[in-house]
Amino acid sequence: VTNLTPNQAAAQAIQLFSQEARLCDGTQPSKVPRTSLESGPASLAKSLPSKSMNPSSSVE
């Protein structure tokens, strides 16, 4: 490992950060299809609390 200037160290840090971000993006989407296949978009929409999202009707 050689001594880096502050600019070189910053550039390397940005490169390492972007590589780590790409790894995170690759691992998270694998969880999404399992849940959407099990519940399905229609049943997911039915399970949403639509009444609680419209509090103006209950306030009156």
PDB file of N, CA and C in Angstrom:
ATOM      1  N   VAL A   1       0.852  -1.179   0.000  1.00  0.00           N
ATOM      2  CA  VAL A   1       0.000   0.000   0.000  1.00  0.00           C
ATOM      3  C   VAL A   1       0.890   1.231   0.000  1.00  0.00           C
ATOM      4  N   THR A   2       0.622   2.103  -0.967  1.00  0.00           N
ATOM      5  CA  THR A   2       1.426   3.322  -1.056  1.00  0.00           C
ATOM      6  C   THR A   2       0.706   4.465  -0.353  1.00  0.00           C
ATOM      7  N   ASN A   3       1.478   5.497  -0.023  1.00  0.00           N
ATOM      8  CA  ASN A   3       0.870   6.681   0.593  1.00  0.00           C
ATOM      9  C   ASN A   3       0.057   7.422  -0.457  1.00  0.00           C
ATOM     10  N   LEU A   4      -1.186   7.718  -0.136  1.00  0.00           N
ATOM     11  CA  LEU A   4      -2.072   8.399  -1.068  1.00  0.00           C
ATOM     12  C   LEU A   4      -2.210   9.868  -0.689  1.00  0.00           C
ATOM     13  N   THR A   5      -2.381  10.686  -1.719  1.00  0.00           N
ATOM     14  CA  THR A   5      -2.712  12.083  -1.448  1.00  0.00           C
ATOM     15  C   THR A   5      -4.167  12.128  -0.992  1.00  0.00           C
ATOM     16  N   PRO A   6      -4.580  13.202  -0.372  1.00  0.00           N
ATOM     17  CA  PRO A   6      -5.991  13.297   0.043  1.00  0.00           C
ATOM     18  C   PRO A   6      -6.965  13.102  -1.119  1.00  0.00           C
ATOM     19  N   ASN A   7      -6.631  13.625  -2.282  1.00  0.00           N
ATOM     20  CA  ASN A   7      -7.510  13.457  -3.440  1.00  0.00           C
ATOM     21  C   ASN A   7      -7.554  12.001  -3.896  1.00  0.00           C
ATOM     22  N   GLN A   8      -6.416  11.319  -3.883  1.00  0.00           N
ATOM     23  CA  GLN A   8      -6.387   9.908  -4.273  1.00  0.00           C
ATOM     24  C   GLN A   8      -7.164   9.059  -3.271  1.00  0.00           C
ATOM     25  N   ALA A   9      -7.021   9.370  -1.993  1.00  0.00           N
ATOM     26  CA  ALA A   9      -7.750   8.628  -0.967  1.00  0.00           C
ATOM     27  C   ALA A   9      -9.252   8.844  -1.114  1.00  0.00           C
ATOM     28  N   ALA A  10      -9.651  10.074  -1.427  1.00  0.00           N
ATOM     29  CA  ALA A  10     -11.072  10.360  -1.619  1.00  0.00           C
ATOM     30  C   ALA A  10     -11.605   9.614  -2.833  1.00  0.00           C
ATOM     31  N   ALA A  11     -10.832   9.588  -3.913  1.00  0.00           N
ATOM     32  CA  ALA A  11     -11.267   8.886  -5.115  1.00  0.00           C
ATOM     33  C   ALA A  11     -11.411   7.391  -4.846  1.00  0.00           C
ATOM     34  N   GLN A  12     -10.476   6.821  -4.105  1.00  0.00           N
ATOM     35  CA  GLN A  12     -10.557   5.394  -3.785  1.00  0.00           C
ATOM     36  C   GLN A  12     -11.742   5.110  -2.862  1.00  0.00           C
ATOM     37  N   ALA A  13     -12.001   5.997  -1.930  1.00  0.00           N
ATOM     38  CA  ALA A  13     -13.141   5.812  -1.030  1.00  0.00           C
ATOM     39  C   ALA A  13     -14.453   5.833  -1.810  1.00  0.00           C
ATOM     40  N   ILE A  14     -14.548   6.739  -2.774  1.00  0.00           N
ATOM     41  CA  ILE A  14     -15.767   6.809  -3.601  1.00  0.00           C
ATOM     42  C   ILE A  14     -15.925   5.532  -4.415  1.00  0.00           C
ATOM     43  N   GLN A  15     -14.829   5.026  -4.959  1.00  0.00           N
ATOM     44  CA  GLN A  15     -14.896   3.785  -5.738  1.00  0.00           C
ATOM     45  C   GLN A  15     -15.331   2.616  -4.862  1.00  0.00           C
ATOM     46  N   LEU A  16     -14.759   2.505  -3.678  1.00  0.00           N
ATOM     47  CA  LEU A  16     -15.137   1.416  -2.776  1.00  0.00           C
ATOM     48  C   LEU A  16     -16.589   1.542  -2.341  1.00  0.00           C
ATOM     49  N   PHE A  17     -17.028   2.761  -2.092  1.00  0.00           N
ATOM     50  CA  PHE A  17     -18.416   2.975  -1.679  1.00  0.00           C
ATOM     51  C   PHE A  17     -19.371   2.573  -2.795  1.00  0.00           C
ATOM     52  N   SER A  18     -19.034   2.931  -4.040  1.00  0.00           N
ATOM     53  CA  SER A  18     -19.926   2.586  -5.154  1.00  0.00           C
ATOM     54  C   SER A  18     -19.943   1.080  -5.390  1.00  0.00           C
ATOM     55  N   GLN A  19     -18.830   0.403  -5.157  1.00  0.00           N
ATOM     56  CA  GLN A  19     -18.809  -1.052  -5.302  1.00  0.00           C
ATOM     57  C   GLN A  19     -19.678  -1.696  -4.232  1.00  0.00           C
ATOM     58  N   GLU A  20     -19.616  -1.194  -3.013  1.00  0.00           N
ATOM     59  CA  GLU A  20     -20.428  -1.740  -1.927  1.00  0.00           C
ATOM     60  C   GLU A  20     -21.905  -1.471  -2.188  1.00  0.00           C
ATOM     61  N   ALA A  21     -22.219  -0.312  -2.731  1.00  0.00           N
ATOM     62  CA  ALA A  21     -23.614   0.014  -3.032  1.00  0.00           C
ATOM     63  C   ALA A  21     -24.154  -0.944  -4.092  1.00  0.00           C
ATOM     64  N   ARG A  22     -23.341  -1.301  -5.070  1.00  0.00           N
ATOM     65  CA  ARG A  22     -23.786  -2.239  -6.098  1.00  0.00           C
ATOM     66  C   ARG A  22     -24.048  -3.613  -5.490  1.00  0.00           C
ATOM     67  N   LEU A  23     -23.228  -4.031  -4.533  1.00  0.00           N
ATOM     68  CA  LEU A  23     -23.450  -5.319  -3.887  1.00  0.00           C
ATOM     69  C   LEU A  23     -24.756  -5.305  -3.106  1.00  0.00           C
ATOM     70  N   CYS A  24     -25.047  -4.209  -2.435  1.00  0.00           N
ATOM     71  CA  CYS A  24     -26.297  -4.118  -1.674  1.00  0.00           C
ATOM     72  C   CYS A  24     -27.495  -4.165  -2.607  1.00  0.00           C
ATOM     73  N   ASP A  25     -27.410  -3.488  -3.745  1.00  0.00           N
ATOM     74  CA  ASP A  25     -28.513  -3.495  -4.698  1.00  0.00           C
ATOM     75  C   ASP A  25     -28.748  -4.898  -5.233  1.00  0.00           C
ATOM     76  N   GLY A  26     -27.696  -5.690  -5.340  1.00  0.00           N
ATOM     77  CA  GLY A  26     -27.854  -7.040  -5.874  1.00  0.00           C
ATOM     78  C   GLY A  26     -28.483  -7.999  -4.877  1.00  0.00           C
ATOM     79  N   THR A  27     -28.319  -7.760  -3.589  1.00  0.00           N
ATOM     80  CA  THR A  27     -28.845  -8.695  -2.594  1.00  0.00           C
ATOM     81  C   THR A  27     -30.274  -8.380  -2.195  1.00  0.00           C
ATOM     82  N   GLN A  28     -30.675  -7.117  -2.182  1.00  0.00           N
ATOM     83  CA  GLN A  28     -32.013  -6.770  -1.715  1.00  0.00           C
ATOM     84  C   GLN A  28     -33.130  -7.207  -2.660  1.00  0.00           C
ATOM     85  N   PRO A  29     -33.035  -7.005  -3.968  1.00  0.00           N
ATOM     86  CA  PRO A  29     -34.160  -7.382  -4.838  1.00  0.00           C
ATOM     87  C   PRO A  29     -34.495  -8.866  -4.825  1.00  0.00           C
ATOM     88  N   SER A  30     -33.583  -9.735  -4.391  1.00  0.00           N
ATOM     89  CA  SER A  30     -33.890 -11.160  -4.365  1.00  0.00           C
ATOM     90  C   SER A  30     -34.998 -11.470  -3.368  1.00  0.00           C
ATOM     91  N   LYS A  31     -35.206 -10.601  -2.379  1.00  0.00           N
ATOM     92  CA  LYS A  31     -36.262 -10.816  -1.396  1.00  0.00           C
ATOM     93  C   LYS A  31     -37.626 -10.387  -1.931  1.00  0.00           C
ATOM     94  N   VAL A  32     -37.651  -9.477  -2.886  1.00  0.00           N
ATOM     95  CA  VAL A  32     -38.915  -8.913  -3.360  1.00  0.00           C
ATOM     96  C   VAL A  32     -39.790  -9.929  -4.086  1.00  0.00           C
ATOM     97  N   PRO A  33     -39.268 -10.720  -5.036  1.00  0.00           N
ATOM     98  CA  PRO A  33     -40.159 -11.647  -5.752  1.00  0.00           C
ATOM     99  C   PRO A  33     -40.816 -12.678  -4.853  1.00  0.00           C
ATOM    100  N   ARG A  34     -40.140 -13.129  -3.803  1.00  0.00           N
ATOM    101  CA  ARG A  34     -40.737 -14.134  -2.932  1.00  0.00           C
ATOM    102  C   ARG A  34     -42.007 -13.605  -2.269  1.00  0.00           C
ATOM    103  N   THR A  35     -41.949 -12.409  -1.738  1.00  0.00           N
ATOM    104  CA  THR A  35     -43.121 -11.868  -1.054  1.00  0.00           C
ATOM    105  C   THR A  35     -44.226 -11.527  -2.036  1.00  0.00           C
ATOM    106  N   SER A  36     -43.873 -11.004  -3.219  1.00  0.00           N
ATOM    107  CA  SER A  36     -44.914 -10.633  -4.167  1.00  0.00           C
ATOM    108  C   SER A  36     -45.548 -11.879  -4.780  1.00  0.00           C
ATOM    109  N   LEU A  37     -44.798 -12.975  -4.892  1.00  0.00           N
ATOM    110  CA  LEU A  37     -45.374 -14.204  -5.430  1.00  0.00           C
ATOM    111  C   LEU A  37     -46.299 -14.860  -4.412  1.00  0.00           C
ATOM    112  N   GLU A  38     -45.948 -14.774  -3.141  1.00  0.00           N
ATOM    113  CA  GLU A  38     -46.773 -15.406  -2.110  1.00  0.00           C
ATOM    114  C   GLU A  38     -48.093 -14.666  -1.913  1.00  0.00           C
ATOM    115  N   SER A  39     -48.027 -13.344  -1.819  1.00  0.00           N
ATOM    116  CA  SER A  39     -49.240 -12.586  -1.518  1.00  0.00           C
ATOM    117  C   SER A  39     -49.971 -12.160  -2.784  1.00  0.00           C
ATOM    118  N   GLY A  40     -49.225 -11.830  -3.826  1.00  0.00           N
ATOM    119  CA  GLY A  40     -49.855 -11.366  -5.056  1.00  0.00           C
ATOM    120  C   GLY A  40     -50.291  -9.921  -4.927  1.00  0.00           C
ATOM    121  N   PRO A  41     -50.299  -9.188  -6.015  1.00  0.00           N
ATOM    122  CA  PRO A  41     -50.643  -7.761  -5.943  1.00  0.00           C
ATOM    123  C   PRO A  41     -52.092  -7.518  -5.531  1.00  0.00           C
ATOM    124  N   ALA A  42     -53.015  -8.390  -5.907  1.00  0.00           N
ATOM    125  CA  ALA A  42     -54.427  -8.181  -5.563  1.00  0.00           C
ATOM    126  C   ALA A  42     -54.647  -8.349  -4.062  1.00  0.00           C
ATOM    127  N   SER A  43     -54.097  -9.413  -3.485  1.00  0.00           N
ATOM    128  CA  SER A  43     -54.287  -9.626  -2.053  1.00  0.00           C
ATOM    129  C   SER A  43     -53.508  -8.596  -1.246  1.00  0.00           C
ATOM    130  N   LEU A  44     -52.406  -8.106  -1.805  1.00  0.00           N
ATOM    131  CA  LEU A  44     -51.651  -7.065  -1.119  1.00  0.00           C
ATOM    132  C   LEU A  44     -52.473  -5.782  -1.065  1.00  0.00           C
ATOM    133  N   ALA A  45     -53.157  -5.455  -2.147  1.00  0.00           N
ATOM    134  CA  ALA A  45     -53.985  -4.250  -2.174  1.00  0.00           C
ATOM    135  C   ALA A  45     -55.152  -4.388  -1.199  1.00  0.00           C
ATOM    136  N   LYS A  46     -55.705  -5.581  -1.074  1.00  0.00           N
ATOM    137  CA  LYS A  46     -56.826  -5.795  -0.156  1.00  0.00           C
ATOM    138  C   LYS A  46     -56.378  -5.687   1.302  1.00  0.00           C
ATOM    139  N   SER A  47     -55.125  -6.044   1.574  1.00  0.00           N
ATOM    140  CA  SER A  47     -54.648  -6.029   2.954  1.00  0.00           C
ATOM    141  C   SER A  47     -54.228  -4.638   3.411  1.00  0.00           C
ATOM    142  N   LEU A  48     -54.162  -3.674   2.499  1.00  0.00           N
ATOM    143  CA  LEU A  48     -53.778  -2.327   2.893  1.00  0.00           C
ATOM    144  C   LEU A  48     -54.891  -1.677   3.708  1.00  0.00           C
ATOM    145  N   PRO A  49     -54.543  -0.948   4.739  1.00  0.00           N
ATOM    146  CA  PRO A  49     -55.565  -0.302   5.583  1.00  0.00           C
ATOM    147  C   PRO A  49     -56.127   0.946   4.909  1.00  0.00           C
ATOM    148  N   SER A  50     -57.027   0.772   3.975  1.00  0.00           N
ATOM    149  CA  SER A  50     -57.546   1.904   3.215  1.00  0.00           C
ATOM    150  C   SER A  50     -58.411   2.816   4.077  1.00  0.00           C
ATOM    151  N   LYS A  51     -59.110   2.273   5.070  1.00  0.00           N
ATOM    152  CA  LYS A  51     -59.970   3.102   5.916  1.00  0.00           C
ATOM    153  C   LYS A  51     -59.137   4.028   6.799  1.00  0.00           C
ATOM    154  N   SER A  52     -58.036   3.533   7.316  1.00  0.00           N
ATOM    155  CA  SER A  52     -57.223   4.360   8.198  1.00  0.00           C
ATOM    156  C   SER A  52     -56.455   5.419   7.419  1.00  0.00           C
ATOM    157  N   MET A  53     -56.353   5.252   6.114  1.00  0.00           N
ATOM    158  CA  MET A  53     -55.635   6.233   5.316  1.00  0.00           C
ATOM    159  C   MET A  53     -56.551   7.395   4.931  1.00  0.00           C
ATOM    160  N   ASN A  54     -57.823   7.356   5.280  1.00  0.00           N
ATOM    161  CA  ASN A  54     -58.754   8.419   4.957  1.00  0.00           C
ATOM    162  C   ASN A  54     -59.403   8.918   6.251  1.00  0.00           C
ATOM    163  N   PRO A  55     -58.646   9.607   7.095  1.00  0.00           N
ATOM    164  CA  PRO A  55     -59.171   9.991   8.408  1.00  0.00           C
ATOM    165  C   PRO A  55     -60.194  11.121   8.353  1.00  0.00           C
ATOM    166  N   SER A  56     -60.321  11.799   7.219  1.00  0.00           N
ATOM    167  CA  SER A  56     -61.233  12.939   7.153  1.00  0.00           C
ATOM    168  C   SER A  56     -62.685  12.496   7.331  1.00  0.00           C
ATOM    169  N   SER A  57     -63.034  11.291   6.872  1.00  0.00           N
ATOM    170  CA  SER A  57     -64.414  10.831   7.012  1.00  0.00           C
ATOM    171  C   SER A  57     -64.735  10.473   8.462  1.00  0.00           C
ATOM    172  N   SER A  58     -63.759  10.029   9.230  1.00  0.00           N
ATOM    173  CA  SER A  58     -64.019   9.662  10.617  1.00  0.00           C
ATOM    174  C   SER A  58     -64.004  10.879  11.539  1.00  0.00           C
ATOM    175  N   VAL A  59     -63.399  11.967  11.105  1.00  0.00           N
ATOM    176  CA  VAL A  59     -63.320  13.169  11.931  1.00  0.00           C
ATOM    177  C   VAL A  59     -64.663  13.892  11.949  1.00  0.00           C
ATOM    178  N   GLU A  60     -65.400  13.840  10.853  1.00  0.00           N
ATOM    179  CA  GLU A  60     -66.663  14.577  10.735  1.00  0.00           C
ATOM    180  C   GLU A  60     -67.687  14.149  11.689  1.00  0.00           C
TER     181      GLU A  60
END
